[in-house]
Full PDB file with SEQRES, HELIX, SHEET, SSBOND, CRYST1, ORIGX, SCALE, CONECT and MASTER records, all heavy atoms in Angstrom:
SEQRES   1 A   34  GLY TRP ASN ARG ALA THR PRO GLN ARG ARG ILE VAL LEU          
SEQRES   2 A   34  ASP GLY ASP PHE ARG VAL ARG GLU SER LEU PRO LEU PHE          
SEQRES   3 A   34  GLY ALA GLY GLY GLY VAL GLU VAL                              
HELIX    1 AA1 PRO A   24  GLY A   27  5                                   4    
SHEET    1 AA1 2 ARG A  10  ILE A  11  0                                        
SHEET    2 AA1 2 VAL A  32  GLU A  33  1                                        
CRYST1    1.000    1.000    1.000  90.00  90.00  90.00 P 1           1          
ORIGX1      1.000000  0.000000  0.000000        0.00000                         
ORIGX2      0.000000  1.000000  0.000000        0.00000                         
ORIGX3      0.000000  0.000000  1.000000        0.00000                         
SCALE1      1.000000  0.000000  0.000000        0.00000                         
SCALE2      0.000000  1.000000  0.000000        0.00000                         
SCALE3      0.000000  0.000000  1.000000        0.00000                         
ATOM      1  N   GLY A   1      13.286   4.385  -9.233  1.00  0.00           N  
ATOM      2  CA  GLY A   1      13.111   5.832  -9.171  1.00  0.00           C  
ATOM      3  C   GLY A   1      12.106   6.393 -10.156  1.00  0.00           C  
ATOM      4  O   GLY A   1      12.102   7.597 -10.426  1.00  0.00           O  
ATOM      5  N   TRP A   2      11.204   5.542 -10.676  1.00  0.00           N  
ATOM      6  CA  TRP A   2      10.234   6.002 -11.664  1.00  0.00           C  
ATOM      7  C   TRP A   2       9.013   6.637 -11.013  1.00  0.00           C  
ATOM      8  O   TRP A   2       8.332   7.446 -11.633  1.00  0.00           O  
ATOM      9  CB  TRP A   2       9.773   4.840 -12.548  1.00  0.00           C  
ATOM     10  CG  TRP A   2      10.859   4.229 -13.375  1.00  0.00           C  
ATOM     11  CD1 TRP A   2      12.135   4.698 -13.539  1.00  0.00           C  
ATOM     12  CD2 TRP A   2      10.773   3.028 -14.138  1.00  0.00           C  
ATOM     13  NE1 TRP A   2      12.836   3.865 -14.362  1.00  0.00           N  
ATOM     14  CE2 TRP A   2      12.023   2.829 -14.750  1.00  0.00           C  
ATOM     15  CE3 TRP A   2       9.766   2.100 -14.377  1.00  0.00           C  
ATOM     16  CZ2 TRP A   2      12.297   1.736 -15.576  1.00  0.00           C  
ATOM     17  CZ3 TRP A   2      10.028   1.011 -15.184  1.00  0.00           C  
ATOM     18  CH2 TRP A   2      11.277   0.845 -15.792  1.00  0.00           C  
ATOM     19  N   ASN A   3       8.698   6.213  -9.807  1.00  0.00           N  
ATOM     20  CA  ASN A   3       7.483   6.692  -9.135  1.00  0.00           C  
ATOM     21  C   ASN A   3       7.878   7.539  -7.933  1.00  0.00           C  
ATOM     22  O   ASN A   3       8.285   7.025  -6.892  1.00  0.00           O  
ATOM     23  CB  ASN A   3       6.625   5.505  -8.686  1.00  0.00           C  
ATOM     24  CG  ASN A   3       5.268   5.939  -8.163  1.00  0.00           C  
ATOM     25  OD1 ASN A   3       5.066   7.085  -7.776  1.00  0.00           O  
ATOM     26  ND2 ASN A   3       4.321   5.017  -8.139  1.00  0.00           N  
ATOM     27  N   ARG A   4       7.727   8.845  -8.095  1.00  0.00           N  
ATOM     28  CA  ARG A   4       7.979   9.764  -6.992  1.00  0.00           C  
ATOM     29  C   ARG A   4       6.683  10.462  -6.567  1.00  0.00           C  
ATOM     30  O   ARG A   4       6.713  11.447  -5.840  1.00  0.00           O  
ATOM     31  CB  ARG A   4       9.031  10.796  -7.407  1.00  0.00           C  
ATOM     32  CG  ARG A   4      10.344  10.161  -7.830  1.00  0.00           C  
ATOM     33  CD  ARG A   4      11.424  11.193  -8.120  1.00  0.00           C  
ATOM     34  NE  ARG A   4      12.625  10.562  -8.635  1.00  0.00           N  
ATOM     35  CZ  ARG A   4      13.558   9.979  -7.898  1.00  0.00           C  
ATOM     36  NH1 ARG A   4      13.417   9.942  -6.575  1.00  0.00           N  
ATOM     37  NH2 ARG A   4      14.630   9.431  -8.437  1.00  0.00           N  
ATOM     38  N   ALA A   5       5.560   9.924  -7.042  1.00  0.00           N  
ATOM     39  CA  ALA A   5       4.257  10.567  -6.807  1.00  0.00           C  
ATOM     40  C   ALA A   5       3.432   9.861  -5.746  1.00  0.00           C  
ATOM     41  O   ALA A   5       2.715  10.502  -4.978  1.00  0.00           O  
ATOM     42  CB  ALA A   5       3.469  10.631  -8.118  1.00  0.00           C  
ATOM     43  N   THR A   6       3.484   8.528  -5.693  1.00  0.00           N  
ATOM     44  CA  THR A   6       2.618   7.780  -4.782  1.00  0.00           C  
ATOM     45  C   THR A   6       3.457   6.949  -3.822  1.00  0.00           C  
ATOM     46  O   THR A   6       4.410   6.284  -4.239  1.00  0.00           O  
ATOM     47  CB  THR A   6       1.663   6.857  -5.560  1.00  0.00           C  
ATOM     48  OG1 THR A   6       2.418   5.949  -6.376  1.00  0.00           O  
ATOM     49  CG2 THR A   6       0.748   7.662  -6.462  1.00  0.00           C  
ATOM     50  N   PRO A   7       3.121   6.927  -2.537  1.00  0.00           N  
ATOM     51  CA  PRO A   7       3.885   6.122  -1.568  1.00  0.00           C  
ATOM     52  C   PRO A   7       3.640   4.641  -1.769  1.00  0.00           C  
ATOM     53  O   PRO A   7       2.606   4.233  -2.304  1.00  0.00           O  
ATOM     54  CB  PRO A   7       3.349   6.595  -0.214  1.00  0.00           C  
ATOM     55  CG  PRO A   7       1.970   7.098  -0.510  1.00  0.00           C  
ATOM     56  CD  PRO A   7       2.037   7.685  -1.891  1.00  0.00           C  
ATOM     57  N   GLN A   8       4.590   3.828  -1.338  1.00  0.00           N  
ATOM     58  CA  GLN A   8       4.482   2.376  -1.475  1.00  0.00           C  
ATOM     59  C   GLN A   8       4.137   1.748  -0.132  1.00  0.00           C  
ATOM     60  O   GLN A   8       4.686   2.127   0.904  1.00  0.00           O  
ATOM     61  CB  GLN A   8       5.802   1.790  -1.977  1.00  0.00           C  
ATOM     62  CG  GLN A   8       5.734   0.290  -2.247  1.00  0.00           C  
ATOM     63  CD  GLN A   8       7.116  -0.337  -2.405  1.00  0.00           C  
ATOM     64  OE1 GLN A   8       8.073   0.111  -1.804  1.00  0.00           O  
ATOM     65  NE2 GLN A   8       7.207  -1.376  -3.219  1.00  0.00           N  
ATOM     66  N   ARG A   9       3.203   0.792  -0.151  1.00  0.00           N  
ATOM     67  CA  ARG A   9       2.856   0.024   1.044  1.00  0.00           C  
ATOM     68  C   ARG A   9       3.510  -1.340   0.920  1.00  0.00           C  
ATOM     69  O   ARG A   9       3.356  -2.025  -0.092  1.00  0.00           O  
ATOM     70  CB  ARG A   9       1.332  -0.123   1.150  1.00  0.00           C  
ATOM     71  CG  ARG A   9       0.560   1.192   1.094  1.00  0.00           C  
ATOM     72  CD  ARG A   9       0.462   1.849   2.442  1.00  0.00           C  
ATOM     73  NE  ARG A   9      -0.548   1.169   3.242  1.00  0.00           N  
ATOM     74  CZ  ARG A   9      -1.844   1.507   3.232  1.00  0.00           C  
ATOM     75  NH1 ARG A   9      -2.277   2.512   2.470  1.00  0.00           N  
ATOM     76  NH2 ARG A   9      -2.703   0.880   4.002  1.00  0.00           N  
ATOM     77  N   ARG A  10       4.227  -1.760   1.952  1.00  0.00           N  
ATOM     78  CA  ARG A  10       4.859  -3.079   1.982  1.00  0.00           C  
ATOM     79  C   ARG A  10       4.250  -3.883   3.119  1.00  0.00           C  
ATOM     80  O   ARG A  10       4.240  -3.435   4.259  1.00  0.00           O  
ATOM     81  CB  ARG A  10       6.378  -2.930   2.153  1.00  0.00           C  
ATOM     82  CG  ARG A  10       7.040  -2.278   0.948  1.00  0.00           C  
ATOM     83  CD  ARG A  10       8.507  -1.985   1.182  1.00  0.00           C  
ATOM     84  NE  ARG A  10       8.696  -0.943   2.180  1.00  0.00           N  
ATOM     85  CZ  ARG A  10       9.749  -0.868   2.997  1.00  0.00           C  
ATOM     86  NH1 ARG A  10      10.691  -1.800   2.951  1.00  0.00           N  
ATOM     87  NH2 ARG A  10       9.860   0.125   3.859  1.00  0.00           N  
ATOM     88  N   ILE A  11       3.726  -5.064   2.773  1.00  0.00           N  
ATOM     89  CA  ILE A  11       2.875  -5.809   3.706  1.00  0.00           C  
ATOM     90  C   ILE A  11       3.405  -7.223   3.884  1.00  0.00           C  
ATOM     91  O   ILE A  11       3.752  -7.907   2.915  1.00  0.00           O  
ATOM     92  CB  ILE A  11       1.429  -5.865   3.176  1.00  0.00           C  
ATOM     93  CG1 ILE A  11       0.882  -4.442   2.981  1.00  0.00           C  
ATOM     94  CG2 ILE A  11       0.539  -6.666   4.115  1.00  0.00           C  
ATOM     95  CD1 ILE A  11      -0.359  -4.382   2.110  1.00  0.00           C  
ATOM     96  N   VAL A  12       3.443  -7.667   5.149  1.00  0.00           N  
ATOM     97  CA  VAL A  12       3.747  -9.060   5.482  1.00  0.00           C  
ATOM     98  C   VAL A  12       2.468  -9.690   6.014  1.00  0.00           C  
ATOM     99  O   VAL A  12       1.879  -9.201   6.989  1.00  0.00           O  
ATOM    100  CB  VAL A  12       4.865  -9.154   6.541  1.00  0.00           C  
ATOM    101  CG1 VAL A  12       5.107 -10.615   6.918  1.00  0.00           C  
ATOM    102  CG2 VAL A  12       6.148  -8.518   6.020  1.00  0.00           C  
ATOM    103  N   LEU A  13       2.026 -10.770   5.381  1.00  0.00           N  
ATOM    104  CA  LEU A  13       0.835 -11.488   5.817  1.00  0.00           C  
ATOM    105  C   LEU A  13       1.259 -12.551   6.827  1.00  0.00           C  
ATOM    106  O   LEU A  13       2.018 -13.465   6.493  1.00  0.00           O  
ATOM    107  CB  LEU A  13       0.146 -12.139   4.612  1.00  0.00           C  
ATOM    108  CG  LEU A  13      -1.145 -12.903   4.888  1.00  0.00           C  
ATOM    109  CD1 LEU A  13      -2.240 -11.957   5.387  1.00  0.00           C  
ATOM    110  CD2 LEU A  13      -1.612 -13.637   3.637  1.00  0.00           C  
ATOM    111  N   ASP A  14       0.777 -12.428   8.062  1.00  0.00           N  
ATOM    112  CA  ASP A  14       1.232 -13.293   9.154  1.00  0.00           C  
ATOM    113  C   ASP A  14       0.073 -13.561  10.101  1.00  0.00           C  
ATOM    114  O   ASP A  14      -0.082 -12.897  11.124  1.00  0.00           O  
ATOM    115  CB  ASP A  14       2.395 -12.605   9.882  1.00  0.00           C  
ATOM    116  CG  ASP A  14       2.948 -13.438  11.026  1.00  0.00           C  
ATOM    117  OD1 ASP A  14       2.733 -14.665  11.027  1.00  0.00           O  
ATOM    118  OD2 ASP A  14       3.570 -12.852  11.929  1.00  0.00           O  
ATOM    119  N   GLY A  15      -0.763 -14.527   9.747  1.00  0.00           N  
ATOM    120  CA  GLY A  15      -1.976 -14.789  10.508  1.00  0.00           C  
ATOM    121  C   GLY A  15      -1.735 -15.066  11.974  1.00  0.00           C  
ATOM    122  O   GLY A  15      -2.515 -14.636  12.835  1.00  0.00           O  
ATOM    123  N   ASP A  16      -0.658 -15.789  12.306  1.00  0.00           N  
ATOM    124  CA  ASP A  16      -0.380 -16.169  13.689  1.00  0.00           C  
ATOM    125  C   ASP A  16       0.498 -15.173  14.433  1.00  0.00           C  
ATOM    126  O   ASP A  16       0.763 -15.353  15.619  1.00  0.00           O  
ATOM    127  CB  ASP A  16       0.295 -17.547  13.724  1.00  0.00           C  
ATOM    128  CG  ASP A  16      -0.604 -18.649  13.195  1.00  0.00           C  
ATOM    129  OD1 ASP A  16      -1.828 -18.531  13.375  1.00  0.00           O  
ATOM    130  OD2 ASP A  16      -0.089 -19.597  12.590  1.00  0.00           O  
ATOM    131  N   PHE A  17       0.997 -14.167  13.739  1.00  0.00           N  
ATOM    132  CA  PHE A  17       1.876 -13.136  14.317  1.00  0.00           C  
ATOM    133  C   PHE A  17       3.147 -13.763  14.919  1.00  0.00           C  
ATOM    134  O   PHE A  17       3.560 -13.454  16.031  1.00  0.00           O  
ATOM    135  CB  PHE A  17       1.136 -12.306  15.359  1.00  0.00           C  
ATOM    136  CG  PHE A  17       1.773 -10.960  15.617  1.00  0.00           C  
ATOM    137  CD1 PHE A  17       2.490 -10.294  14.631  1.00  0.00           C  
ATOM    138  CD2 PHE A  17       1.663 -10.354  16.857  1.00  0.00           C  
ATOM    139  CE1 PHE A  17       3.070  -9.052  14.867  1.00  0.00           C  
ATOM    140  CE2 PHE A  17       2.235  -9.110  17.114  1.00  0.00           C  
ATOM    141  CZ  PHE A  17       2.938  -8.465  16.114  1.00  0.00           C  
ATOM    142  N   ARG A  18       3.773 -14.627  14.125  1.00  0.00           N  
ATOM    143  CA  ARG A  18       5.014 -15.267  14.553  1.00  0.00           C  
ATOM    144  C   ARG A  18       6.232 -14.698  13.838  1.00  0.00           C  
ATOM    145  O   ARG A  18       7.337 -15.210  13.959  1.00  0.00           O  
ATOM    146  CB  ARG A  18       4.935 -16.774  14.301  1.00  0.00           C  
ATOM    147  CG  ARG A  18       3.861 -17.477  15.125  1.00  0.00           C  
ATOM    148  CD  ARG A  18       3.805 -18.952  14.802  1.00  0.00           C  
ATOM    149  NE  ARG A  18       2.777 -19.640  15.584  1.00  0.00           N  
ATOM    150  CZ  ARG A  18       2.456 -20.917  15.436  1.00  0.00           C  
ATOM    151  NH1 ARG A  18       3.091 -21.659  14.518  1.00  0.00           N  
ATOM    152  NH2 ARG A  18       1.518 -21.460  16.186  1.00  0.00           N  
ATOM    153  N   VAL A  19       6.031 -13.644  13.074  1.00  0.00           N  
ATOM    154  CA  VAL A  19       7.093 -13.073  12.264  1.00  0.00           C  
ATOM    155  C   VAL A  19       8.273 -12.635  13.139  1.00  0.00           C  
ATOM    156  O   VAL A  19       8.095 -12.158  14.264  1.00  0.00           O  
ATOM    157  CB  VAL A  19       6.554 -11.881  11.446  1.00  0.00           C  
ATOM    158  CG1 VAL A  19       6.163 -10.721  12.331  1.00  0.00           C  
ATOM    159  CG2 VAL A  19       7.553 -11.451  10.389  1.00  0.00           C  
ATOM    160  N   ARG A  20       9.487 -12.827  12.617  1.00  0.00           N  
ATOM    161  CA  ARG A  20      10.689 -12.427  13.336  1.00  0.00           C  
ATOM    162  C   ARG A  20      10.835 -10.909  13.335  1.00  0.00           C  
ATOM    163  O   ARG A  20      10.707 -10.279  12.280  1.00  0.00           O  
ATOM    164  CB  ARG A  20      11.941 -13.047  12.717  1.00  0.00           C  
ATOM    165  CG  ARG A  20      12.042 -14.553  12.830  1.00  0.00           C  
ATOM    166  CD  ARG A  20      13.495 -14.986  12.712  1.00  0.00           C  
ATOM    167  NE  ARG A  20      14.207 -14.287  11.651  1.00  0.00           N  
ATOM    168  CZ  ARG A  20      14.407 -14.753  10.421  1.00  0.00           C  
ATOM    169  NH1 ARG A  20      13.938 -15.951  10.095  1.00  0.00           N  
ATOM    170  NH2 ARG A  20      15.074 -14.059   9.516  1.00  0.00           N  
ATOM    171  N   GLU A  21      11.141 -10.350  14.455  1.00  0.00           N  
ATOM    172  CA  GLU A  21      11.307  -8.904  14.532  1.00  0.00           C  
ATOM    173  C   GLU A  21      12.590  -8.432  13.858  1.00  0.00           C  
ATOM    174  O   GLU A  21      12.742  -7.237  13.585  1.00  0.00           O  
ATOM    175  CB  GLU A  21      11.309  -8.458  15.998  1.00  0.00           C  
ATOM    176  CG  GLU A  21       9.993  -8.721  16.711  1.00  0.00           C  
ATOM    177  CD  GLU A  21      10.074  -8.380  18.190  1.00  0.00           C  
ATOM    178  OE1 GLU A  21      10.499  -7.254  18.510  1.00  0.00           O  
ATOM    179  OE2 GLU A  21       9.719  -9.248  19.013  1.00  0.00           O  
ATOM    180  N   SER A  22      13.494  -9.364  13.569  1.00  0.00           N  
ATOM    181  CA  SER A  22      14.788  -9.006  12.979  1.00  0.00           C  
ATOM    182  C   SER A  22      14.778  -8.985  11.455  1.00  0.00           C  
ATOM    183  O   SER A  22      15.831  -8.833  10.833  1.00  0.00           O  
ATOM    184  CB  SER A  22      15.859  -9.991  13.453  1.00  0.00           C  
ATOM    185  OG  SER A  22      15.515 -11.327  13.067  1.00  0.00           O  
ATOM    186  N   LEU A  23      13.604  -9.134  10.852  1.00  0.00           N  
ATOM    187  CA  LEU A  23      13.548  -9.135   9.385  1.00  0.00           C  
ATOM    188  C   LEU A  23      14.182  -7.866   8.813  1.00  0.00           C  
ATOM    189  O   LEU A  23      13.884  -6.758   9.287  1.00  0.00           O  
ATOM    190  CB  LEU A  23      12.106  -9.220   8.892  1.00  0.00           C  
ATOM    191  CG  LEU A  23      11.380 -10.553   8.967  1.00  0.00           C  
ATOM    192  CD1 LEU A  23       9.992 -10.413   8.364  1.00  0.00           C  
ATOM    193  CD2 LEU A  23      12.152 -11.640   8.253  1.00  0.00           C  
ATOM    194  N   PRO A  24      15.032  -7.976   7.786  1.00  0.00           N  
ATOM    195  CA  PRO A  24      15.606  -6.775   7.156  1.00  0.00           C  
ATOM    196  C   PRO A  24      14.529  -5.792   6.681  1.00  0.00           C  
ATOM    197  O   PRO A  24      14.723  -4.582   6.716  1.00  0.00           O  
ATOM    198  CB  PRO A  24      16.394  -7.348   5.977  1.00  0.00           C  
ATOM    199  CG  PRO A  24      16.721  -8.743   6.380  1.00  0.00           C  
ATOM    200  CD  PRO A  24      15.553  -9.211   7.196  1.00  0.00           C  
ATOM    201  N   LEU A  25      13.388  -6.330   6.272  1.00  0.00           N  
ATOM    202  CA  LEU A  25      12.273  -5.507   5.800  1.00  0.00           C  
ATOM    203  C   LEU A  25      11.861  -4.459   6.833  1.00  0.00           C  
ATOM    204  O   LEU A  25      11.473  -3.346   6.492  1.00  0.00           O  
ATOM    205  CB  LEU A  25      11.093  -6.418   5.462  1.00  0.00           C  
ATOM    206  CG  LEU A  25       9.750  -5.799   5.098  1.00  0.00           C  
ATOM    207  CD1 LEU A  25       9.876  -4.997   3.817  1.00  0.00           C  
ATOM    208  CD2 LEU A  25       8.694  -6.880   4.937  1.00  0.00           C  
ATOM    209  N   PHE A  26      11.956  -4.828   8.115  1.00  0.00           N  
ATOM    210  CA  PHE A  26      11.498  -3.932   9.176  1.00  0.00           C  
ATOM    211  C   PHE A  26      12.474  -2.788   9.453  1.00  0.00           C  
ATOM    212  O   PHE A  26      12.153  -1.882  10.209  1.00  0.00           O  
ATOM    213  CB  PHE A  26      11.249  -4.711  10.458  1.00  0.00           C  
ATOM    214  CG  PHE A  26      10.115  -5.697  10.363  1.00  0.00           C  
ATOM    215  CD1 PHE A  26      10.106  -6.848  11.135  1.00  0.00           C  
ATOM    216  CD2 PHE A  26       9.058  -5.491   9.489  1.00  0.00           C  
ATOM    217  CE1 PHE A  26       9.062  -7.758  11.055  1.00  0.00           C  
ATOM    218  CE2 PHE A  26       8.010  -6.400   9.392  1.00  0.00           C  
ATOM    219  CZ  PHE A  26       8.012  -7.539  10.179  1.00  0.00           C  
ATOM    220  N   GLY A  27      13.622  -2.824   8.819  1.00  0.00           N  
ATOM    221  CA  GLY A  27      14.574  -1.738   9.008  1.00  0.00           C  
ATOM    222  C   GLY A  27      14.808  -0.938   7.748  1.00  0.00           C  
ATOM    223  O   GLY A  27      15.776  -0.183   7.645  1.00  0.00           O  
ATOM    224  N   ALA A  28      13.904  -1.092   6.769  1.00  0.00           N  
ATOM    225  CA  ALA A  28      14.110  -0.479   5.447  1.00  0.00           C  
ATOM    226  C   ALA A  28      13.150   0.674   5.195  1.00  0.00           C  
ATOM    227  O   ALA A  28      12.544   0.768   4.143  1.00  0.00           O  
ATOM    228  CB  ALA A  28      13.956  -1.532   4.350  1.00  0.00           C  
ATOM    229  N   GLY A  29      12.991   1.545   6.171  1.00  0.00           N  
ATOM    230  CA  GLY A  29      12.134   2.706   5.960  1.00  0.00           C  
ATOM    231  C   GLY A  29      10.684   2.441   6.291  1.00  0.00           C  
ATOM    232  O   GLY A  29      10.311   1.358   6.760  1.00  0.00           O  
ATOM    233  N   GLY A  30       9.835   3.446   6.041  1.00  0.00           N  
ATOM    234  CA  GLY A  30       8.427   3.374   6.411  1.00  0.00           C  
ATOM    235  C   GLY A  30       7.576   2.631   5.413  1.00  0.00           C  
ATOM    236  O   GLY A  30       8.067   2.043   4.450  1.00  0.00           O  
ATOM    237  N   GLY A  31       6.268   2.653   5.691  1.00  0.00           N  
ATOM    238  CA  GLY A  31       5.319   2.015   4.799  1.00  0.00           C  
ATOM    239  C   GLY A  31       5.215   0.522   4.947  1.00  0.00           C  
ATOM    240  O   GLY A  31       4.749  -0.167   4.041  1.00  0.00           O  
ATOM    241  N   VAL A  32       5.668  -0.038   6.108  1.00  0.00           N  
ATOM    242  CA  VAL A  32       5.633  -1.479   6.322  1.00  0.00           C  
ATOM    243  C   VAL A  32       4.492  -1.818   7.278  1.00  0.00           C  
ATOM    244  O   VAL A  32       4.314  -1.168   8.309  1.00  0.00           O  
ATOM    245  CB  VAL A  32       6.964  -2.007   6.891  1.00  0.00           C  
ATOM    246  CG1 VAL A  32       6.895  -3.508   7.111  1.00  0.00           C  
ATOM    247  CG2 VAL A  32       8.116  -1.658   5.957  1.00  0.00           C  
ATOM    248  N   GLU A  33       3.732  -2.861   6.925  1.00  0.00           N  
ATOM    249  CA  GLU A  33       2.630  -3.322   7.762  1.00  0.00           C  
ATOM    250  C   GLU A  33       2.735  -4.821   7.953  1.00  0.00           C  
ATOM    251  O   GLU A  33       3.223  -5.545   7.067  1.00  0.00           O  
ATOM    252  CB  GLU A  33       1.273  -3.011   7.116  1.00  0.00           C  
ATOM    253  CG  GLU A  33       1.005  -1.537   6.882  1.00  0.00           C  
ATOM    254  CD  GLU A  33      -0.325  -1.284   6.196  1.00  0.00           C  
ATOM    255  OE1 GLU A  33      -1.101  -2.254   5.998  1.00  0.00           O  
ATOM    256  OE2 GLU A  33      -0.584  -0.129   5.841  1.00  0.00           O  
ATOM    257  N   VAL A  34       2.262  -5.299   9.076  1.00  0.00           N  
ATOM    258  CA  VAL A  34       2.074  -6.728   9.315  1.00  0.00           C  
ATOM    259  C   VAL A  34       0.582  -6.956   9.482  1.00  0.00           C  
ATOM    260  O   VAL A  34      -0.053  -6.335  10.345  1.00  0.00           O  
ATOM    261  CB  VAL A  34       2.836  -7.210  10.570  1.00  0.00           C  
ATOM    262  CG1 VAL A  34       2.537  -8.687  10.817  1.00  0.00           C  
ATOM    263  CG2 VAL A  34       4.330  -6.997  10.410  1.00  0.00           C  
TER     264      VAL A  34                                                      
MASTER        0    0    0    1    2    0    0    6  263    1    0    3          
END                                                                             
């Protein structure tokens, strides 16, 4: 809770696009990219 000024980007690096759609990360709010 220290940073309320700048949004956070969360990124999964997946060259082959084989990532599981059920990852908990994908259900934890916005700012997620693959």
